[in-house]
């Protein structure tokens, strides 16, 4: 896990916070538990599903924070 302010997860968190969106709001919108997204923001996806499900979770998160998906992937 990275603690750098420039890590992937910290950049996502900063963008989400600038949008004024909480993890709970994303969880409600996506029907995916907020802990999953908290792990993403900590750069820890070790408990995430593999393959296309991982990509789908990331896509849902970026959509919820109004961030283009393709450049982040």
N, C-alpha and C. Protein backbone atom coordinates (compact mmCIF):
# COMPACT_ATOMS: atom_id res chain seq x y z
N UNK A 1 0.83 -1.18 0.00
CA UNK A 1 0.00 0.00 0.00
C UNK A 1 0.88 1.24 0.00
N UNK A 2 0.43 2.21 -0.72
CA UNK A 2 1.19 3.45 -0.84
C UNK A 2 0.58 4.53 0.03
N UNK A 3 1.42 5.36 0.61
CA UNK A 3 0.92 6.49 1.38
C UNK A 3 1.26 7.80 0.70
N UNK A 4 1.82 7.75 -0.47
CA UNK A 4 2.21 8.95 -1.20
C UNK A 4 0.98 9.77 -1.58
N UNK A 5 1.09 11.11 -1.47
CA UNK A 5 -0.05 11.93 -1.89
C UNK A 5 -0.28 11.87 -3.39
N UNK A 6 0.64 11.26 -4.11
CA UNK A 6 0.52 11.16 -5.57
C UNK A 6 0.15 9.75 -6.02
N UNK A 7 -0.19 8.89 -5.08
CA UNK A 7 -0.57 7.53 -5.45
C UNK A 7 -1.91 7.55 -6.18
N UNK A 8 -2.20 6.48 -6.87
CA UNK A 8 -3.44 6.37 -7.63
C UNK A 8 -4.66 6.56 -6.73
N UNK A 9 -4.68 5.85 -5.61
CA UNK A 9 -5.81 5.95 -4.70
C UNK A 9 -5.98 7.33 -4.09
N UNK A 10 -4.88 7.96 -3.74
CA UNK A 10 -4.98 9.30 -3.14
C UNK A 10 -5.45 10.33 -4.16
N UNK A 11 -5.07 10.15 -5.42
CA UNK A 11 -5.58 11.06 -6.46
C UNK A 11 -7.08 10.87 -6.66
N UNK A 12 -7.53 9.62 -6.62
CA UNK A 12 -8.97 9.36 -6.73
C UNK A 12 -9.72 9.97 -5.55
N UNK A 13 -9.20 9.77 -4.34
CA UNK A 13 -9.83 10.32 -3.15
C UNK A 13 -9.91 11.85 -3.23
N UNK A 14 -8.82 12.48 -3.65
CA UNK A 14 -8.80 13.93 -3.75
C UNK A 14 -9.85 14.42 -4.75
N UNK A 15 -9.97 13.73 -5.88
CA UNK A 15 -10.97 14.11 -6.88
C UNK A 15 -12.38 13.95 -6.30
N UNK A 16 -12.62 12.83 -5.62
CA UNK A 16 -13.94 12.60 -5.00
C UNK A 16 -14.27 13.68 -3.99
N UNK A 17 -13.31 14.03 -3.16
CA UNK A 17 -13.54 15.05 -2.14
C UNK A 17 -13.79 16.42 -2.75
N UNK A 18 -13.10 16.73 -3.84
CA UNK A 18 -13.37 18.01 -4.54
C UNK A 18 -14.79 18.05 -5.09
N UNK A 19 -15.31 16.88 -5.45
CA UNK A 19 -16.68 16.79 -5.96
C UNK A 19 -17.71 16.84 -4.83
N UNK A 20 -17.24 16.71 -3.59
CA UNK A 20 -18.14 16.73 -2.43
C UNK A 20 -18.97 15.45 -2.31
N UNK A 21 -18.40 14.33 -2.73
CA UNK A 21 -19.09 13.05 -2.73
C UNK A 21 -18.50 12.16 -1.64
N UNK A 22 -19.36 11.52 -0.86
CA UNK A 22 -18.87 10.62 0.18
C UNK A 22 -18.81 9.19 -0.36
N UNK A 23 -18.03 8.37 0.33
CA UNK A 23 -17.97 6.95 -0.05
C UNK A 23 -19.33 6.29 0.13
N UNK A 24 -20.06 6.71 1.15
CA UNK A 24 -21.39 6.15 1.37
C UNK A 24 -22.33 6.47 0.20
N UNK A 25 -22.23 7.67 -0.34
CA UNK A 25 -23.06 8.03 -1.50
C UNK A 25 -22.72 7.16 -2.71
N UNK A 26 -21.43 6.91 -2.91
CA UNK A 26 -21.02 6.06 -4.02
C UNK A 26 -21.55 4.64 -3.80
N UNK A 27 -21.44 4.14 -2.58
CA UNK A 27 -21.93 2.80 -2.27
C UNK A 27 -23.42 2.68 -2.54
N UNK A 28 -24.18 3.68 -2.14
CA UNK A 28 -25.62 3.65 -2.37
C UNK A 28 -25.95 3.69 -3.86
N UNK A 29 -25.22 4.50 -4.59
CA UNK A 29 -25.46 4.65 -6.02
C UNK A 29 -25.07 3.39 -6.80
N UNK A 30 -23.99 2.75 -6.39
CA UNK A 30 -23.46 1.61 -7.16
C UNK A 30 -23.91 0.26 -6.62
N UNK A 31 -24.43 0.24 -5.40
CA UNK A 31 -24.80 -1.02 -4.72
C UNK A 31 -23.58 -1.89 -4.43
N UNK A 32 -22.43 -1.22 -4.27
CA UNK A 32 -21.17 -1.88 -3.92
C UNK A 32 -20.76 -1.31 -2.57
N UNK A 33 -20.36 -2.15 -1.65
CA UNK A 33 -20.02 -1.70 -0.30
C UNK A 33 -18.96 -0.60 -0.27
N UNK A 34 -19.14 0.36 0.63
CA UNK A 34 -18.21 1.48 0.71
C UNK A 34 -16.80 1.05 1.10
N UNK A 35 -16.67 -0.07 1.79
CA UNK A 35 -15.33 -0.56 2.18
C UNK A 35 -14.48 -0.88 0.96
N UNK A 36 -15.12 -1.36 -0.09
CA UNK A 36 -14.40 -1.68 -1.33
C UNK A 36 -13.74 -0.41 -1.87
N UNK A 37 -14.48 0.68 -1.86
CA UNK A 37 -13.93 1.94 -2.39
C UNK A 37 -12.93 2.56 -1.44
N UNK A 38 -13.11 2.35 -0.14
CA UNK A 38 -12.12 2.83 0.82
C UNK A 38 -10.79 2.11 0.60
N UNK A 39 -10.86 0.81 0.30
CA UNK A 39 -9.63 0.06 0.00
C UNK A 39 -8.95 0.62 -1.25
N UNK A 40 -9.74 0.93 -2.26
CA UNK A 40 -9.19 1.50 -3.49
C UNK A 40 -8.43 2.79 -3.18
N UNK A 41 -9.02 3.63 -2.38
CA UNK A 41 -8.38 4.91 -2.05
C UNK A 41 -7.13 4.74 -1.20
N UNK A 42 -6.98 3.58 -0.57
CA UNK A 42 -5.76 3.26 0.19
C UNK A 42 -4.78 2.45 -0.66
N UNK A 43 -5.08 2.31 -1.95
CA UNK A 43 -4.24 1.54 -2.87
C UNK A 43 -4.15 0.07 -2.46
N UNK A 44 -5.21 -0.46 -1.91
CA UNK A 44 -5.23 -1.86 -1.49
C UNK A 44 -6.44 -2.54 -2.12
N UNK A 45 -6.21 -3.23 -3.22
CA UNK A 45 -7.30 -3.95 -3.88
C UNK A 45 -7.11 -5.46 -3.71
N UNK A 46 -6.39 -5.85 -2.68
CA UNK A 46 -6.10 -7.27 -2.44
C UNK A 46 -7.36 -8.07 -2.14
N UNK A 47 -8.41 -7.44 -1.64
CA UNK A 47 -9.66 -8.13 -1.35
C UNK A 47 -10.69 -7.96 -2.47
N UNK A 48 -10.32 -7.27 -3.51
CA UNK A 48 -11.23 -7.05 -4.63
C UNK A 48 -11.34 -8.30 -5.48
N UNK A 49 -12.46 -8.44 -6.18
CA UNK A 49 -12.55 -9.56 -7.13
C UNK A 49 -11.56 -9.36 -8.27
N UNK A 50 -11.27 -10.41 -8.96
CA UNK A 50 -10.30 -10.36 -10.07
C UNK A 50 -11.01 -10.11 -11.40
N UNK A 51 -10.20 -9.83 -12.41
CA UNK A 51 -10.67 -9.77 -13.79
C UNK A 51 -11.68 -8.69 -14.09
N UNK A 52 -12.71 -9.06 -14.84
CA UNK A 52 -13.66 -8.06 -15.32
C UNK A 52 -14.44 -7.42 -14.18
N UNK A 53 -14.60 -8.12 -13.06
CA UNK A 53 -15.31 -7.54 -11.93
C UNK A 53 -14.51 -6.39 -11.33
N UNK A 54 -13.20 -6.56 -11.25
CA UNK A 54 -12.34 -5.48 -10.74
C UNK A 54 -12.46 -4.25 -11.63
N UNK A 55 -12.41 -4.48 -12.92
CA UNK A 55 -12.54 -3.38 -13.86
C UNK A 55 -13.92 -2.71 -13.75
N UNK A 56 -14.95 -3.51 -13.57
CA UNK A 56 -16.31 -2.98 -13.43
C UNK A 56 -16.44 -2.13 -12.17
N UNK A 57 -15.85 -2.58 -11.05
CA UNK A 57 -15.89 -1.81 -9.82
C UNK A 57 -15.20 -0.46 -10.00
N UNK A 58 -14.04 -0.49 -10.63
CA UNK A 58 -13.31 0.75 -10.87
C UNK A 58 -14.10 1.68 -11.79
N UNK A 59 -14.73 1.13 -12.81
CA UNK A 59 -15.54 1.93 -13.72
C UNK A 59 -16.71 2.58 -12.96
N UNK A 60 -17.35 1.83 -12.09
CA UNK A 60 -18.47 2.38 -11.31
C UNK A 60 -18.00 3.50 -10.40
N UNK A 61 -16.85 3.32 -9.79
CA UNK A 61 -16.30 4.35 -8.90
C UNK A 61 -16.00 5.62 -9.69
N UNK A 62 -15.29 5.50 -10.80
CA UNK A 62 -14.93 6.68 -11.58
C UNK A 62 -16.17 7.37 -12.14
N UNK A 63 -17.16 6.60 -12.52
CA UNK A 63 -18.42 7.18 -13.01
C UNK A 63 -19.10 7.97 -11.89
N UNK A 64 -19.09 7.43 -10.68
CA UNK A 64 -19.74 8.07 -9.54
C UNK A 64 -19.07 9.39 -9.16
N UNK A 65 -17.77 9.51 -9.40
CA UNK A 65 -17.07 10.75 -9.05
C UNK A 65 -16.87 11.64 -10.27
N UNK A 66 -17.53 11.28 -11.36
CA UNK A 66 -17.49 12.07 -12.59
C UNK A 66 -16.06 12.25 -13.10
N UNK A 67 -15.37 11.12 -13.21
CA UNK A 67 -14.00 11.10 -13.73
C UNK A 67 -13.97 10.14 -14.92
N UNK A 68 -13.33 10.53 -16.01
CA UNK A 68 -13.26 9.62 -17.16
C UNK A 68 -12.58 8.32 -16.77
N UNK A 69 -13.13 7.22 -17.21
CA UNK A 69 -12.61 5.90 -16.83
C UNK A 69 -11.37 5.53 -17.63
N UNK A 70 -11.41 5.63 -18.92
CA UNK A 70 -10.32 5.13 -19.77
C UNK A 70 -8.95 5.69 -19.40
N UNK A 71 -8.81 7.00 -19.17
CA UNK A 71 -7.47 7.48 -18.80
C UNK A 71 -6.99 6.94 -17.46
N UNK A 72 -7.91 6.56 -16.55
CA UNK A 72 -7.47 6.06 -15.26
C UNK A 72 -7.04 4.62 -15.34
N UNK A 73 -7.55 3.87 -16.28
CA UNK A 73 -7.26 2.45 -16.39
C UNK A 73 -5.98 2.29 -17.09
